[in-house]
């Protein structure tokens, strides 16, 4: 049974063009122009495509956590501090206090996302302030 591979549109386009290169329907030079890469890069990608198939065209970090992601145990520790000490405060203030008192440096936007996940913060949409329009002067008045 064949394994199902999820591919982006970019990877699908590359696969189609590399298959044409493999079947010698187009030249490598033309394929490189179509894909918007240099010939050397095309040769490198093509070699990997021949050895690994469609899987070679996908990004290697798909389905894995990002390299700069904060680990879940640190996240849980921070959220515990927020729940116990700073319930009801805004994320920017909490981020400042975490740095000052607990020596934990974290971005306010990251903290806001985490607080929204746990239900400690709700997305607040600002309502536009009503502005009364001034009465217009008539054309005949001067």
N, C-alpha and C. Protein backbone atom coordinates (compact mmCIF):
# COMPACT_ATOMS: atom_id res chain seq x y z
N UNK A 1 0.83 -1.19 0.00
CA UNK A 1 0.00 0.00 0.00
C UNK A 1 0.87 1.25 0.00
N UNK A 2 0.48 2.25 -0.76
CA UNK A 2 1.28 3.46 -0.91
C UNK A 2 0.95 4.46 0.19
N UNK A 3 1.97 5.14 0.68
CA UNK A 3 1.80 6.12 1.75
C UNK A 3 1.29 7.44 1.17
N UNK A 4 0.36 8.09 1.89
CA UNK A 4 -0.20 9.37 1.46
C UNK A 4 0.71 10.49 1.96
N UNK A 5 1.11 11.39 1.05
CA UNK A 5 1.98 12.51 1.41
C UNK A 5 1.22 13.80 1.18
N UNK A 6 1.16 14.63 2.22
CA UNK A 6 0.52 15.94 2.10
C UNK A 6 1.55 16.91 1.55
N UNK A 7 1.15 17.65 0.51
CA UNK A 7 2.09 18.58 -0.12
C UNK A 7 1.46 19.96 -0.27
N UNK A 8 2.30 20.97 -0.21
CA UNK A 8 1.84 22.34 -0.47
C UNK A 8 1.67 22.51 -1.98
N UNK A 9 1.02 23.59 -2.37
CA UNK A 9 0.84 23.85 -3.81
C UNK A 9 2.18 24.05 -4.50
N UNK A 10 3.11 24.71 -3.80
CA UNK A 10 4.45 24.93 -4.35
C UNK A 10 5.15 23.59 -4.60
N UNK A 11 5.04 22.67 -3.64
CA UNK A 11 5.68 21.36 -3.78
C UNK A 11 5.01 20.55 -4.89
N UNK A 12 3.70 20.69 -5.05
CA UNK A 12 2.99 19.99 -6.12
C UNK A 12 3.45 20.49 -7.49
N UNK A 13 3.63 21.81 -7.60
CA UNK A 13 4.10 22.39 -8.86
C UNK A 13 5.51 21.88 -9.18
N UNK A 14 6.36 21.84 -8.14
CA UNK A 14 7.73 21.34 -8.33
C UNK A 14 7.71 19.88 -8.77
N UNK A 15 6.84 19.08 -8.14
CA UNK A 15 6.77 17.65 -8.47
C UNK A 15 6.37 17.45 -9.93
N UNK A 16 5.40 18.24 -10.37
CA UNK A 16 4.93 18.13 -11.76
C UNK A 16 6.05 18.47 -12.74
N UNK A 17 6.78 19.54 -12.46
CA UNK A 17 7.86 19.97 -13.35
C UNK A 17 9.03 19.00 -13.30
N UNK A 18 9.38 18.52 -12.11
CA UNK A 18 10.49 17.55 -11.99
C UNK A 18 10.14 16.23 -12.67
N UNK A 19 8.87 15.87 -12.66
CA UNK A 19 8.44 14.66 -13.37
C UNK A 19 8.62 14.84 -14.87
N UNK A 20 8.35 16.06 -15.35
CA UNK A 20 8.57 16.36 -16.78
C UNK A 20 10.05 16.31 -17.12
N UNK A 21 10.91 16.78 -16.21
CA UNK A 21 12.37 16.71 -16.42
C UNK A 21 12.81 15.25 -16.44
N UNK A 22 12.25 14.47 -15.53
CA UNK A 22 12.59 13.05 -15.43
C UNK A 22 12.22 12.30 -16.72
N UNK A 23 11.06 12.64 -17.29
CA UNK A 23 10.61 12.01 -18.54
C UNK A 23 11.19 12.67 -19.78
N UNK A 24 12.07 13.65 -19.57
CA UNK A 24 12.78 14.37 -20.63
C UNK A 24 11.83 15.10 -21.58
N UNK A 25 10.75 15.64 -21.00
CA UNK A 25 9.82 16.45 -21.79
C UNK A 25 10.28 17.90 -21.84
N UNK A 26 10.97 18.34 -20.79
CA UNK A 26 11.57 19.68 -20.79
C UNK A 26 13.01 19.57 -20.29
N UNK A 27 13.81 20.57 -20.62
CA UNK A 27 15.21 20.58 -20.20
C UNK A 27 15.32 21.14 -18.79
N UNK A 28 16.44 20.81 -18.13
CA UNK A 28 16.69 21.31 -16.78
C UNK A 28 16.74 22.83 -16.75
N UNK A 29 17.33 23.41 -17.77
CA UNK A 29 17.46 24.87 -17.84
C UNK A 29 16.08 25.53 -17.87
N UNK A 30 15.17 24.96 -18.67
CA UNK A 30 13.81 25.51 -18.77
C UNK A 30 13.03 25.30 -17.46
N UNK A 31 13.23 24.14 -16.84
CA UNK A 31 12.56 23.86 -15.58
C UNK A 31 13.01 24.83 -14.49
N UNK A 32 14.30 25.15 -14.49
CA UNK A 32 14.83 26.09 -13.50
C UNK A 32 14.21 27.47 -13.69
N UNK A 33 14.02 27.88 -14.93
CA UNK A 33 13.40 29.18 -15.22
C UNK A 33 11.94 29.18 -14.76
N UNK A 34 11.22 28.10 -15.03
CA UNK A 34 9.81 28.00 -14.63
C UNK A 34 9.67 28.06 -13.11
N UNK A 35 10.56 27.36 -12.40
CA UNK A 35 10.49 27.33 -10.94
C UNK A 35 11.08 28.58 -10.29
N UNK A 36 11.82 29.36 -11.06
CA UNK A 36 12.40 30.58 -10.51
C UNK A 36 13.62 30.33 -9.65
N UNK A 37 14.37 29.27 -9.97
CA UNK A 37 15.60 28.95 -9.23
C UNK A 37 16.73 28.78 -10.25
N UNK A 38 17.97 28.75 -9.75
CA UNK A 38 19.09 28.57 -10.67
C UNK A 38 19.22 27.08 -11.02
N UNK A 39 19.97 26.80 -12.06
CA UNK A 39 20.12 25.42 -12.54
C UNK A 39 20.79 24.52 -11.50
N UNK A 40 21.75 25.09 -10.78
CA UNK A 40 22.45 24.32 -9.75
C UNK A 40 21.48 23.85 -8.66
N UNK A 41 20.57 24.76 -8.24
CA UNK A 41 19.57 24.40 -7.24
C UNK A 41 18.63 23.32 -7.79
N UNK A 42 18.26 23.45 -9.05
CA UNK A 42 17.37 22.47 -9.67
C UNK A 42 18.03 21.09 -9.67
N UNK A 43 19.31 21.04 -9.99
CA UNK A 43 20.03 19.76 -10.02
C UNK A 43 20.05 19.14 -8.62
N UNK A 44 20.29 19.97 -7.60
CA UNK A 44 20.31 19.49 -6.21
C UNK A 44 18.93 18.94 -5.82
N UNK A 45 17.87 19.68 -6.13
CA UNK A 45 16.51 19.26 -5.80
C UNK A 45 16.13 18.01 -6.60
N UNK A 46 16.54 17.96 -7.86
CA UNK A 46 16.22 16.83 -8.73
C UNK A 46 16.86 15.54 -8.23
N UNK A 47 18.13 15.62 -7.79
CA UNK A 47 18.81 14.43 -7.25
C UNK A 47 18.06 13.89 -6.03
N UNK A 48 17.66 14.80 -5.15
CA UNK A 48 16.92 14.39 -3.95
C UNK A 48 15.55 13.83 -4.33
N UNK A 49 14.92 14.41 -5.34
CA UNK A 49 13.62 13.94 -5.83
C UNK A 49 13.73 12.52 -6.39
N UNK A 50 14.81 12.25 -7.11
CA UNK A 50 15.01 10.91 -7.67
C UNK A 50 15.22 9.87 -6.58
N UNK A 51 15.91 10.25 -5.50
CA UNK A 51 16.19 9.27 -4.45
C UNK A 51 15.03 9.09 -3.46
N UNK A 52 14.33 10.19 -3.11
CA UNK A 52 13.29 10.10 -2.08
C UNK A 52 11.87 10.25 -2.61
N UNK A 53 11.72 10.69 -3.84
CA UNK A 53 10.39 10.86 -4.41
C UNK A 53 9.75 12.18 -3.97
N UNK A 54 8.41 12.20 -3.93
CA UNK A 54 7.67 13.43 -3.59
C UNK A 54 7.99 13.94 -2.19
N UNK A 55 8.35 13.06 -1.30
CA UNK A 55 8.67 13.44 0.09
C UNK A 55 9.84 14.41 0.16
N UNK A 56 10.73 14.36 -0.81
CA UNK A 56 11.91 15.23 -0.83
C UNK A 56 11.54 16.69 -1.06
N UNK A 57 10.37 16.96 -1.61
CA UNK A 57 9.98 18.33 -1.95
C UNK A 57 9.33 19.07 -0.79
N UNK A 58 8.87 18.34 0.22
CA UNK A 58 8.26 18.97 1.39
C UNK A 58 9.32 19.56 2.30
N UNK A 59 8.93 20.59 3.05
CA UNK A 59 9.82 21.17 4.05
C UNK A 59 10.03 20.15 5.15
N UNK A 60 11.25 20.05 5.66
CA UNK A 60 11.59 18.99 6.61
C UNK A 60 10.99 19.20 8.01
N UNK A 61 10.56 20.42 8.32
CA UNK A 61 10.01 20.68 9.65
C UNK A 61 8.49 20.60 9.71
N UNK A 62 7.84 20.17 8.62
CA UNK A 62 6.39 20.05 8.64
C UNK A 62 6.00 18.97 9.64
N UNK A 63 5.08 19.32 10.54
CA UNK A 63 4.61 18.38 11.55
C UNK A 63 5.47 18.33 12.80
N UNK A 64 6.53 19.12 12.86
CA UNK A 64 7.40 19.16 14.03
C UNK A 64 7.31 20.53 14.68
N UNK A 65 7.56 20.63 15.98
CA UNK A 65 7.52 21.95 16.62
C UNK A 65 8.66 22.83 16.11
N UNK A 66 8.43 24.14 16.11
CA UNK A 66 9.43 25.09 15.63
C UNK A 66 10.67 25.10 16.50
N UNK A 67 11.77 25.53 15.92
CA UNK A 67 13.05 25.55 16.64
C UNK A 67 13.07 26.55 17.79
N UNK A 68 12.29 27.63 17.68
CA UNK A 68 12.30 28.67 18.71
C UNK A 68 11.10 28.57 19.65
N UNK A 69 10.38 27.49 19.59
CA UNK A 69 9.19 27.31 20.41
C UNK A 69 9.58 27.13 21.88
N UNK A 70 8.83 27.78 22.75
CA UNK A 70 9.07 27.66 24.19
C UNK A 70 8.48 26.33 24.65
N UNK A 71 9.24 25.56 25.42
CA UNK A 71 8.81 24.23 25.82
C UNK A 71 7.56 24.28 26.70
N UNK A 72 6.80 23.19 26.67
CA UNK A 72 5.52 23.15 27.37
C UNK A 72 5.67 23.24 28.88
N UNK A 73 6.77 22.71 29.45
CA UNK A 73 6.95 22.79 30.91
C UNK A 73 7.22 24.22 31.36
N UNK A 74 7.98 24.98 30.56
CA UNK A 74 8.23 26.40 30.88
C UNK A 74 6.93 27.18 30.73
N UNK A 75 6.17 26.87 29.68
CA UNK A 75 4.89 27.54 29.46
C UNK A 75 3.95 27.29 30.64
N UNK A 76 3.91 26.05 31.11
CA UNK A 76 3.04 25.71 32.24
C UNK A 76 3.48 26.43 33.51
N UNK A 77 4.79 26.54 33.72
CA UNK A 77 5.32 27.26 34.89
C UNK A 77 4.89 28.73 34.85
N UNK A 78 5.02 29.35 33.67
CA UNK A 78 4.65 30.76 33.51
C UNK A 78 3.15 30.94 33.74
N UNK A 79 2.34 30.06 33.17
CA UNK A 79 0.89 30.19 33.32
C UNK A 79 0.45 29.96 34.77
N UNK A 80 1.18 29.13 35.50
CA UNK A 80 0.88 28.92 36.92
C UNK A 80 1.14 30.20 37.70
N UNK A 81 2.25 30.87 37.41
CA UNK A 81 2.57 32.16 38.06
C UNK A 81 1.49 33.19 37.72
N UNK A 82 1.07 33.23 36.46
CA UNK A 82 0.04 34.19 36.03
C UNK A 82 -1.27 33.91 36.75
N UNK A 83 -1.68 32.63 36.83
CA UNK A 83 -2.93 32.27 37.51
C UNK A 83 -2.91 32.65 38.98
N UNK A 84 -1.78 32.40 39.63
CA UNK A 84 -1.70 32.64 41.08
C UNK A 84 -1.51 34.10 41.44
N UNK A 85 -0.68 34.83 40.70
CA UNK A 85 -0.29 36.18 41.12
C UNK A 85 -0.92 37.32 40.33
N UNK A 86 -1.26 37.09 39.07
CA UNK A 86 -1.63 38.21 38.20
C UNK A 86 -2.98 38.05 37.52
N UNK A 87 -3.90 37.35 38.14
CA UNK A 87 -5.21 37.14 37.54
C UNK A 87 -5.94 38.48 37.45
N UNK A 88 -6.46 38.80 36.28
CA UNK A 88 -7.19 40.05 36.08
C UNK A 88 -6.35 41.17 35.50
N UNK A 89 -5.04 40.99 35.41
CA UNK A 89 -4.17 42.02 34.84
C UNK A 89 -4.02 41.82 33.34
N UNK A 90 -3.58 42.86 32.66
CA UNK A 90 -3.40 42.79 31.21
C UNK A 90 -2.05 42.15 30.87
N UNK A 91 -1.96 41.51 29.69
CA UNK A 91 -0.75 40.78 29.30
C UNK A 91 0.53 41.61 29.28
N UNK A 92 0.47 42.85 28.85
CA UNK A 92 1.68 43.68 28.79
C UNK A 92 2.23 43.92 30.18
N UNK A 93 1.35 44.23 31.12
CA UNK A 93 1.77 44.46 32.50
C UNK A 93 2.34 43.18 33.11
N UNK A 94 1.68 42.06 32.85
CA UNK A 94 2.15 40.77 33.38
C UNK A 94 3.53 40.44 32.83
N UNK A 95 3.75 40.68 31.54
CA UNK A 95 5.05 40.41 30.92
C UNK A 95 6.14 41.24 31.58
N UNK A 96 5.83 42.50 31.88
CA UNK A 96 6.81 43.36 32.56
C UNK A 96 7.10 42.85 33.96
N UNK A 97 6.07 42.46 34.70
CA UNK A 97 6.24 41.97 36.07
C UNK A 97 6.97 40.63 36.10
N UNK A 98 6.70 39.77 35.13
CA UNK A 98 7.42 38.49 35.06
C UNK A 98 8.92 38.73 34.91
N UNK A 99 9.27 39.75 34.12
CA UNK A 99 10.68 40.06 33.92
C UNK A 99 11.29 40.68 35.17
N UNK A 100 10.57 41.62 35.78
CA UNK A 100 11.10 42.33 36.95
C UNK A 100 11.22 41.43 38.18
N UNK A 101 10.18 40.68 38.48
CA UNK A 101 10.12 39.93 39.74
C UNK A 101 10.56 38.48 39.62
N UNK A 102 10.33 37.86 38.47
CA UNK A 102 10.63 36.43 38.33
C UNK A 102 11.78 36.17 37.36
N UNK A 103 12.31 37.22 36.73
CA UNK A 103 13.42 37.12 35.77
C UNK A 103 13.08 36.19 34.61
N UNK A 104 11.82 36.27 34.15
CA UNK A 104 11.37 35.49 33.00
C UNK A 104 11.03 36.49 31.90
N UNK A 105 11.77 36.42 30.80
CA UNK A 105 11.53 37.34 29.69
C UNK A 105 10.66 36.65 28.65
N UNK A 106 9.48 37.19 28.45
CA UNK A 106 8.55 36.64 27.46
C UNK A 106 7.80 37.79 26.82
N UNK A 107 7.50 37.67 25.55
CA UNK A 107 6.79 38.72 24.83
C UNK A 107 5.34 38.83 25.28
N UNK A 108 4.83 40.04 25.28
CA UNK A 108 3.45 40.27 25.70
C UNK A 108 2.46 39.59 24.75
N UNK A 109 2.78 39.57 23.46
CA UNK A 109 1.88 38.94 22.49
C UNK A 109 1.82 37.42 22.69
N UNK A 110 2.96 36.80 23.01
CA UNK A 110 2.98 35.37 23.30
C UNK A 110 2.16 35.08 24.53
N UNK A 111 2.36 35.89 25.56
CA UNK A 111 1.62 35.73 26.80
C UNK A 111 0.12 35.92 26.56
N UNK A 112 -0.24 36.88 25.73
CA UNK A 112 -1.65 37.14 25.40
C UNK A 112 -2.27 35.91 24.74
N UNK A 113 -1.54 35.29 23.80
CA UNK A 113 -2.05 34.09 23.13
C UNK A 113 -2.25 32.95 24.12
N UNK A 114 -1.28 32.75 25.01
CA UNK A 114 -1.39 31.70 26.01
C UNK A 114 -2.56 31.96 26.95
N UNK A 115 -2.75 33.22 27.34
CA UNK A 115 -3.85 33.57 28.23
C UNK A 115 -5.19 33.36 27.54
N UNK A 116 -5.26 33.61 26.25
CA UNK A 116 -6.50 33.37 25.50
C UNK A 116 -6.78 31.87 25.40
N UNK A 117 -5.73 31.05 25.26
CA UNK A 117 -5.90 29.60 25.20
C UNK A 117 -6.47 29.05 26.50
N UNK A 118 -6.00 29.58 27.63
CA UNK A 118 -6.43 29.08 28.94
C UNK A 118 -7.67 29.78 29.47
N UNK A 119 -8.15 30.81 28.77
CA UNK A 119 -9.36 31.50 29.19
C UNK A 119 -9.13 32.62 30.19
N UNK A 120 -7.89 33.02 30.41
CA UNK A 120 -7.59 34.11 31.34
C UNK A 120 -7.74 35.48 30.69
N UNK A 121 -7.80 35.52 29.37
CA UNK A 121 -7.91 36.79 28.64
C UNK A 121 -8.85 36.58 27.47
N UNK A 122 -9.72 37.55 27.27
CA UNK A 122 -10.64 37.49 26.14
C UNK A 122 -10.27 38.56 25.13
N UNK A 123 -10.43 38.24 23.88
CA UNK A 123 -10.13 39.18 22.81
C UNK A 123 -11.12 40.33 22.91
N UNK A 124 -10.61 41.52 23.08
CA UNK A 124 -11.47 42.69 23.24
C UNK A 124 -11.40 43.51 21.96
N UNK A 125 -12.55 43.72 21.37
CA UNK A 125 -12.61 44.53 20.15
C UNK A 125 -13.00 45.95 20.55
N UNK A 126 -12.21 46.90 20.13
CA UNK A 126 -12.50 48.29 20.45
C UNK A 126 -13.65 48.78 19.58
N UNK A 127 -14.59 49.47 20.22
CA UNK A 127 -15.70 50.04 19.46
C UNK A 127 -15.31 51.45 19.03
N UNK A 128 -15.73 51.81 17.85
CA UNK A 128 -15.40 53.13 17.32
C UNK A 128 -16.18 54.20 18.08
N UNK A 129 -15.51 55.27 18.42
CA UNK A 129 -16.13 56.38 19.13
C UNK A 129 -17.00 57.16 18.15
N UNK A 130 -18.24 57.44 18.55
CA UNK A 130 -19.16 58.16 17.67
C UNK A 130 -18.73 59.61 17.53
N UNK A 131 -18.69 60.07 16.31
CA UNK A 131 -18.34 61.46 16.05
C UNK A 131 -19.53 62.14 15.40
N UNK A 132 -20.01 63.20 16.04
CA UNK A 132 -21.14 63.93 15.44
C UNK A 132 -20.61 64.83 14.33
N UNK A 133 -21.33 64.81 13.25
CA UNK A 133 -20.91 65.62 12.10
C UNK A 133 -21.38 67.05 12.30
N UNK A 134 -20.58 67.99 11.87
CA UNK A 134 -20.98 69.39 12.00
C UNK A 134 -21.99 69.72 10.91
N UNK A 135 -22.87 70.64 11.18
CA UNK A 135 -23.86 70.99 10.15
C UNK A 135 -23.18 71.69 8.97
N UNK A 136 -23.56 71.31 7.78
CA UNK A 136 -22.95 71.86 6.58
C UNK A 136 -23.56 73.23 6.25
N UNK A 137 -22.71 74.09 5.75
CA UNK A 137 -23.20 75.40 5.30
C UNK A 137 -23.83 75.23 3.93
N UNK A 138 -24.89 75.94 3.70
CA UNK A 138 -25.53 75.81 2.39
C UNK A 138 -24.69 76.54 1.35
N UNK A 139 -24.91 76.22 0.12
CA UNK A 139 -24.12 76.80 -0.97
C UNK A 139 -24.42 78.29 -1.12
N UNK A 140 -25.66 78.67 -0.86
CA UNK A 140 -26.06 80.06 -1.05
C UNK A 140 -25.54 80.97 0.05
N UNK A 141 -25.29 80.40 1.25
CA UNK A 141 -24.77 81.21 2.36
C UNK A 141 -23.30 81.48 2.18
N UNK A 142 -22.90 82.72 2.43
CA UNK A 142 -21.48 83.03 2.36
C UNK A 142 -21.10 83.99 3.42
